[in-house]
């Protein structure tokens, strides 16, 4: 049974890591990241988000948006998005 979190609950580690995995994948696919050092930009994004102290809900919203973009890119390119990455 999943515990009900308050709207102001801090983000859970597993949710933040899911965001980074999905965001890193999508940013690489669209050519945003430097292929020789993709971790540098992602580290800066992590610091930015950490400074904002997001709630669980806020990161869930970001994760849902990233997953939606990923699905849309898959459809545009004529192939389905990665399995298990649906909302």
Protein backbone atom coordinates (compact mmCIF):
# COMPACT_ATOMS: atom_id res chain seq x y z
CA UNK A 1 0.00 0.00 0.00
CA UNK A 2 1.37 3.40 -0.99
CA UNK A 3 1.46 6.09 1.69
CA UNK A 4 -0.38 9.31 0.96
CA UNK A 5 2.05 12.20 0.96
CA UNK A 6 1.27 15.77 1.82
CA UNK A 7 1.39 18.19 -1.14
CA UNK A 8 4.46 19.75 0.49
CA UNK A 9 6.34 16.48 1.03
CA UNK A 10 9.96 16.67 -0.16
CA UNK A 11 10.80 14.73 -3.30
CA UNK A 12 11.65 11.07 -2.80
CA UNK A 13 15.05 9.94 -4.07
CA UNK A 14 13.59 7.36 -6.48
CA UNK A 15 11.33 9.98 -8.08
CA UNK A 16 14.21 12.41 -8.57
CA UNK A 17 16.36 9.65 -10.07
CA UNK A 18 13.54 8.69 -12.47
CA UNK A 19 13.38 12.32 -13.58
CA UNK A 20 17.13 12.44 -14.23
CA UNK A 21 17.11 9.16 -16.15
CA UNK A 22 14.24 10.28 -18.38
CA UNK A 23 15.48 13.84 -18.78
CA UNK A 24 19.01 12.69 -19.63
CA UNK A 25 17.67 10.30 -22.24
CA UNK A 26 15.42 12.85 -23.90
CA UNK A 27 18.03 15.63 -23.86
CA UNK A 28 20.55 13.29 -25.47
CA UNK A 29 18.02 12.25 -28.14
CA UNK A 30 17.31 15.83 -29.17
CA UNK A 31 21.01 16.75 -29.26
CA UNK A 32 20.97 19.09 -26.27
CA UNK A 33 23.76 17.38 -24.35
CA UNK A 34 27.42 17.41 -25.32
CA UNK A 35 27.97 13.77 -26.33
CA UNK A 36 31.55 13.91 -25.04
CA UNK A 37 30.50 15.10 -21.57
CA UNK A 38 26.73 14.75 -21.04
CA UNK A 39 27.05 14.54 -17.27
CA UNK A 40 28.33 18.11 -16.94
CA UNK A 41 25.05 19.70 -18.06
CA UNK A 42 22.96 17.17 -16.14
CA UNK A 43 24.96 17.96 -12.98
CA UNK A 44 24.09 21.63 -13.43
CA UNK A 45 20.40 20.75 -13.85
CA UNK A 46 20.58 18.66 -10.67
CA UNK A 47 22.08 21.55 -8.70
CA UNK A 48 19.41 23.90 -10.02
CA UNK A 49 16.61 21.58 -8.95
CA UNK A 50 18.24 20.86 -5.57
CA UNK A 51 18.43 24.59 -4.80
CA UNK A 52 14.72 24.93 -5.47
CA UNK A 53 13.87 22.18 -2.92
CA UNK A 54 10.99 20.77 -5.01
CA UNK A 55 8.13 18.82 -3.52
CA UNK A 56 7.27 15.28 -4.54
CA UNK A 57 4.33 16.59 -6.55
CA UNK A 58 6.44 19.16 -8.40
CA UNK A 59 8.96 16.54 -9.51
CA UNK A 60 6.13 14.20 -10.49
CA UNK A 61 4.79 16.99 -12.73
CA UNK A 62 8.20 17.50 -14.33
CA UNK A 63 8.60 13.75 -14.83
CA UNK A 64 5.17 13.47 -16.46
CA UNK A 65 6.05 16.34 -18.81
CA UNK A 66 9.36 14.73 -19.80
CA UNK A 67 7.62 11.41 -20.43
CA UNK A 68 5.02 13.16 -22.59
CA UNK A 69 7.74 14.79 -24.68
CA UNK A 70 9.44 11.42 -25.01
CA UNK A 71 6.22 9.80 -26.26
CA UNK A 72 5.61 12.66 -28.70
CA UNK A 73 9.12 12.39 -30.11
CA UNK A 74 8.62 8.67 -30.58
CA UNK A 75 5.40 9.31 -32.49
CA UNK A 76 7.00 12.04 -34.62
CA UNK A 77 9.85 9.73 -35.56
CA UNK A 78 7.39 6.96 -36.41
CA UNK A 79 8.19 4.65 -33.58
CA UNK A 80 6.68 4.08 -30.15
CA UNK A 81 8.39 5.48 -27.07
CA UNK A 82 10.45 3.19 -24.88
CA UNK A 83 8.40 0.45 -23.17
CA UNK A 84 7.65 1.05 -19.51
CA UNK A 85 8.00 4.79 -19.85
CA UNK A 86 4.33 5.63 -19.99
CA UNK A 87 2.61 7.67 -17.35
